[in-house]
Amino acid sequence: MLFENKQLIIKYIENDNKDGYYDFSVEIKDFDTPNINLKFDYDKGKIVTMWIDIYEDENEPKNHVVYKLFDLCKYNISTILKFMIEHK
């Protein structure tokens, strides 16, 4: 499943959900930054963990920037993730 708007591309990653969390990949458009992978707890409505795949990205200064940008839109992303889970 894919969600896209002017600022973001969010991809749902299929998994077995043994831990009860949903996996997503978030790309922030208009910035040359790596994607953020995250686990989302639907029941609590919050992001449990997030990380950048270091094997795909070798520019560590940009990693710091993407975390700051992500933090600015975390609430909006959580709302989108809930919607995606409800309509998958």
N, C-alpha and C. Protein backbone atom coordinates (compact mmCIF):
# COMPACT_ATOMS: atom_id res chain seq x y z
N MET A 1 0.85 -1.16 0.00
CA MET A 1 0.00 0.00 0.00
C MET A 1 0.90 1.24 0.00
N LEU A 2 0.46 2.27 -0.69
CA LEU A 2 1.25 3.48 -0.85
C LEU A 2 0.39 4.72 -0.60
N PHE A 3 0.95 5.68 0.13
CA PHE A 3 0.31 6.97 0.32
C PHE A 3 1.28 8.03 -0.16
N GLU A 4 0.77 9.00 -0.91
CA GLU A 4 1.63 10.07 -1.41
C GLU A 4 0.88 11.39 -1.39
N ASN A 5 1.56 12.42 -0.89
CA ASN A 5 1.04 13.79 -0.98
C ASN A 5 2.20 14.72 -1.38
N LYS A 6 2.05 16.02 -1.18
CA LYS A 6 3.09 16.95 -1.63
C LYS A 6 4.39 16.82 -0.86
N GLN A 7 4.32 16.37 0.39
CA GLN A 7 5.52 16.30 1.22
C GLN A 7 6.09 14.90 1.43
N LEU A 8 5.24 13.86 1.34
CA LEU A 8 5.64 12.53 1.79
C LEU A 8 5.27 11.43 0.82
N ILE A 9 6.04 10.35 0.88
CA ILE A 9 5.66 9.08 0.28
C ILE A 9 5.80 8.05 1.41
N ILE A 10 4.68 7.40 1.74
CA ILE A 10 4.68 6.42 2.82
C ILE A 10 4.31 5.07 2.23
N LYS A 11 5.14 4.06 2.50
CA LYS A 11 4.90 2.71 1.99
C LYS A 11 4.69 1.78 3.17
N TYR A 12 3.62 0.99 3.06
CA TYR A 12 3.37 -0.07 4.05
C TYR A 12 4.20 -1.27 3.66
N ILE A 13 4.93 -1.84 4.61
CA ILE A 13 5.77 -3.00 4.35
C ILE A 13 5.09 -4.22 4.96
N GLU A 14 4.78 -5.18 4.11
CA GLU A 14 4.13 -6.41 4.57
C GLU A 14 5.06 -7.16 5.52
N ASN A 15 4.50 -7.63 6.62
CA ASN A 15 5.26 -8.49 7.53
C ASN A 15 4.29 -9.40 8.27
N ASP A 16 4.81 -10.26 9.11
CA ASP A 16 3.94 -11.22 9.81
C ASP A 16 3.30 -10.63 11.07
N ASN A 17 3.69 -9.42 11.46
CA ASN A 17 3.12 -8.70 12.62
C ASN A 17 3.15 -9.52 13.90
N LYS A 18 4.18 -10.35 14.09
CA LYS A 18 4.29 -11.13 15.32
C LYS A 18 4.43 -10.23 16.54
N ASP A 19 5.06 -9.09 16.35
CA ASP A 19 5.24 -8.16 17.47
C ASP A 19 4.05 -7.23 17.64
N GLY A 20 3.05 -7.31 16.76
CA GLY A 20 1.86 -6.47 16.86
C GLY A 20 2.05 -5.09 16.26
N TYR A 21 3.19 -4.82 15.66
CA TYR A 21 3.46 -3.52 15.08
C TYR A 21 3.38 -3.59 13.55
N TYR A 22 3.14 -2.45 12.94
CA TYR A 22 3.09 -2.33 11.49
C TYR A 22 4.35 -1.62 11.01
N ASP A 23 4.93 -2.11 9.93
CA ASP A 23 6.17 -1.55 9.40
C ASP A 23 5.88 -0.63 8.22
N PHE A 24 6.56 0.52 8.21
CA PHE A 24 6.41 1.50 7.15
C PHE A 24 7.77 2.07 6.76
N SER A 25 7.82 2.62 5.56
CA SER A 25 8.97 3.37 5.09
C SER A 25 8.46 4.75 4.68
N VAL A 26 9.13 5.80 5.15
CA VAL A 26 8.70 7.17 4.90
C VAL A 26 9.79 7.93 4.16
N GLU A 27 9.41 8.51 3.04
CA GLU A 27 10.33 9.35 2.26
C GLU A 27 9.82 10.78 2.33
N ILE A 28 10.68 11.71 2.69
CA ILE A 28 10.33 13.13 2.70
C ILE A 28 10.75 13.72 1.36
N LYS A 29 9.78 14.20 0.61
CA LYS A 29 10.06 14.74 -0.72
C LYS A 29 10.80 16.07 -0.61
N ASP A 30 11.34 16.51 -1.71
CA ASP A 30 12.02 17.81 -1.84
C ASP A 30 13.30 17.93 -1.01
N PHE A 31 13.72 16.84 -0.38
CA PHE A 31 14.98 16.84 0.36
C PHE A 31 15.76 15.61 -0.05
N ASP A 32 17.03 15.77 -0.23
CA ASP A 32 17.87 14.64 -0.59
C ASP A 32 18.32 13.94 0.68
N THR A 33 17.38 13.23 1.30
CA THR A 33 17.64 12.53 2.56
C THR A 33 17.20 11.07 2.42
N PRO A 34 17.73 10.22 3.27
CA PRO A 34 17.34 8.80 3.21
C PRO A 34 15.92 8.58 3.73
N ASN A 35 15.37 7.43 3.40
CA ASN A 35 14.06 7.05 3.93
C ASN A 35 14.20 6.65 5.39
N ILE A 36 13.13 6.89 6.13
CA ILE A 36 13.06 6.44 7.52
C ILE A 36 12.15 5.23 7.56
N ASN A 37 12.63 4.16 8.17
CA ASN A 37 11.81 2.98 8.41
C ASN A 37 11.28 3.08 9.83
N LEU A 38 10.05 2.61 10.04
CA LEU A 38 9.49 2.72 11.38
C LEU A 38 8.54 1.59 11.68
N LYS A 39 8.33 1.38 12.97
CA LYS A 39 7.33 0.45 13.47
C LYS A 39 6.28 1.28 14.19
N PHE A 40 5.01 0.99 13.88
CA PHE A 40 3.90 1.77 14.41
C PHE A 40 2.98 0.86 15.21
N ASP A 41 2.64 1.29 16.43
CA ASP A 41 1.70 0.56 17.28
C ASP A 41 0.32 1.18 17.08
N TYR A 42 -0.55 0.46 16.38
CA TYR A 42 -1.88 0.99 16.06
C TYR A 42 -2.72 1.18 17.33
N ASP A 43 -2.64 0.23 18.26
CA ASP A 43 -3.47 0.31 19.47
C ASP A 43 -3.15 1.54 20.31
N LYS A 44 -1.88 1.88 20.40
CA LYS A 44 -1.47 3.06 21.17
C LYS A 44 -1.41 4.31 20.32
N GLY A 45 -1.43 4.14 18.99
CA GLY A 45 -1.40 5.28 18.08
C GLY A 45 -0.08 6.03 18.08
N LYS A 46 1.01 5.27 18.26
CA LYS A 46 2.30 5.96 18.28
C LYS A 46 3.38 5.15 17.57
N ILE A 47 4.42 5.87 17.20
CA ILE A 47 5.58 5.26 16.56
C ILE A 47 6.45 4.66 17.66
N VAL A 48 6.74 3.38 17.53
CA VAL A 48 7.50 2.66 18.56
C VAL A 48 9.00 2.82 18.34
N THR A 49 9.42 2.67 17.09
CA THR A 49 10.84 2.79 16.79
C THR A 49 11.01 3.26 15.35
N MET A 50 12.15 3.91 15.07
CA MET A 50 12.45 4.33 13.70
C MET A 50 13.96 4.26 13.49
N TRP A 51 14.33 3.99 12.23
CA TRP A 51 15.74 3.84 11.89
C TRP A 51 15.95 4.11 10.42
N ILE A 52 17.20 4.33 10.08
CA ILE A 52 17.63 4.51 8.69
C ILE A 52 18.49 3.32 8.34
N ASP A 53 18.24 2.73 7.19
CA ASP A 53 19.04 1.59 6.73
C ASP A 53 20.42 2.11 6.32
N ILE A 54 21.42 1.83 7.12
CA ILE A 54 22.76 2.37 6.86
C ILE A 54 23.41 1.77 5.63
N TYR A 55 22.90 0.64 5.17
CA TYR A 55 23.47 0.02 3.97
C TYR A 55 23.00 0.72 2.70
N GLU A 56 21.86 1.40 2.78
CA GLU A 56 21.36 2.14 1.62
C GLU A 56 21.88 3.56 1.58
N ASP A 57 22.21 4.10 2.74
CA ASP A 57 22.62 5.50 2.81
C ASP A 57 23.99 5.60 3.47
N GLU A 58 24.89 6.33 2.84
CA GLU A 58 26.24 6.47 3.37
C GLU A 58 26.56 7.89 3.81
N ASN A 59 25.59 8.78 3.73
CA ASN A 59 25.83 10.18 4.06
C ASN A 59 25.26 10.47 5.45
N GLU A 60 26.05 10.28 6.48
CA GLU A 60 25.57 10.41 7.84
C GLU A 60 25.09 11.80 8.23
N PRO A 61 25.66 12.89 7.73
CA PRO A 61 25.11 14.21 8.08
C PRO A 61 23.65 14.38 7.66
N LYS A 62 23.26 13.77 6.55
CA LYS A 62 21.87 13.87 6.12
C LYS A 62 20.95 13.06 7.03
N ASN A 63 21.46 12.04 7.67
CA ASN A 63 20.65 11.25 8.59
C ASN A 63 20.12 12.12 9.72
N HIS A 64 20.96 12.97 10.26
CA HIS A 64 20.55 13.87 11.33
C HIS A 64 19.44 14.80 10.85
N VAL A 65 19.56 15.30 9.64
CA VAL A 65 18.57 16.22 9.08
C VAL A 65 17.22 15.53 8.90
N VAL A 66 17.22 14.30 8.39
CA VAL A 66 15.95 13.61 8.15
C VAL A 66 15.21 13.34 9.46
N TYR A 67 15.92 13.04 10.53
CA TYR A 67 15.27 12.84 11.82
C TYR A 67 14.62 14.14 12.30
N LYS A 68 15.28 15.26 12.11
CA LYS A 68 14.71 16.56 12.51
C LYS A 68 13.47 16.89 11.68
N LEU A 69 13.56 16.67 10.37
CA LEU A 69 12.41 16.93 9.49
C LEU A 69 11.24 16.02 9.86
N PHE A 70 11.55 14.77 10.13
CA PHE A 70 10.51 13.81 10.50
C PHE A 70 9.82 14.24 11.79
N ASP A 71 10.58 14.72 12.74
CA ASP A 71 10.03 15.14 14.02
C ASP A 71 9.02 16.27 13.85
N LEU A 72 9.23 17.12 12.86
CA LEU A 72 8.32 18.24 12.62
C LEU A 72 6.95 17.78 12.12
N CYS A 73 6.88 16.64 11.47
CA CYS A 73 5.60 16.19 10.90
C CYS A 73 5.15 14.86 11.49
N LYS A 74 5.66 14.49 12.66
CA LYS A 74 5.37 13.20 13.28
C LYS A 74 3.87 13.00 13.54
N TYR A 75 3.17 14.02 14.00
CA TYR A 75 1.74 13.89 14.29
C TYR A 75 0.96 13.61 13.02
N ASN A 76 1.25 14.34 11.95
CA ASN A 76 0.57 14.12 10.67
C ASN A 76 0.84 12.72 10.14
N ILE A 77 2.06 12.26 10.28
CA ILE A 77 2.41 10.93 9.81
C ILE A 77 1.66 9.86 10.61
N SER A 78 1.54 10.04 11.91
CA SER A 78 0.80 9.07 12.73
C SER A 78 -0.66 8.98 12.28
N THR A 79 -1.26 10.10 11.96
CA THR A 79 -2.63 10.11 11.49
C THR A 79 -2.76 9.37 10.15
N ILE A 80 -1.82 9.58 9.26
CA ILE A 80 -1.82 8.89 7.96
C ILE A 80 -1.62 7.39 8.15
N LEU A 81 -0.73 7.00 9.05
CA LEU A 81 -0.48 5.58 9.30
C LEU A 81 -1.73 4.89 9.82
N LYS A 82 -2.45 5.52 10.74
CA LYS A 82 -3.70 4.96 11.25
C LYS A 82 -4.69 4.75 10.10
N PHE A 83 -4.81 5.74 9.25
CA PHE A 83 -5.72 5.66 8.10
C PHE A 83 -5.33 4.50 7.18
N MET A 84 -4.03 4.38 6.91
CA MET A 84 -3.57 3.31 6.02
C MET A 84 -3.85 1.93 6.60
N ILE A 85 -3.67 1.77 7.89
CA ILE A 85 -3.93 0.48 8.53
C ILE A 85 -5.42 0.15 8.48
N GLU A 86 -6.25 1.13 8.74
CA GLU A 86 -7.70 0.92 8.73
C GLU A 86 -8.23 0.57 7.34
N HIS A 87 -7.54 1.01 6.29
CA HIS A 87 -8.03 0.82 4.94
C HIS A 87 -7.15 -0.09 4.07
N LYS A 88 -6.33 -0.89 4.72
CA LYS A 88 -5.46 -1.77 3.92
C LYS A 88 -6.20 -2.96 3.37
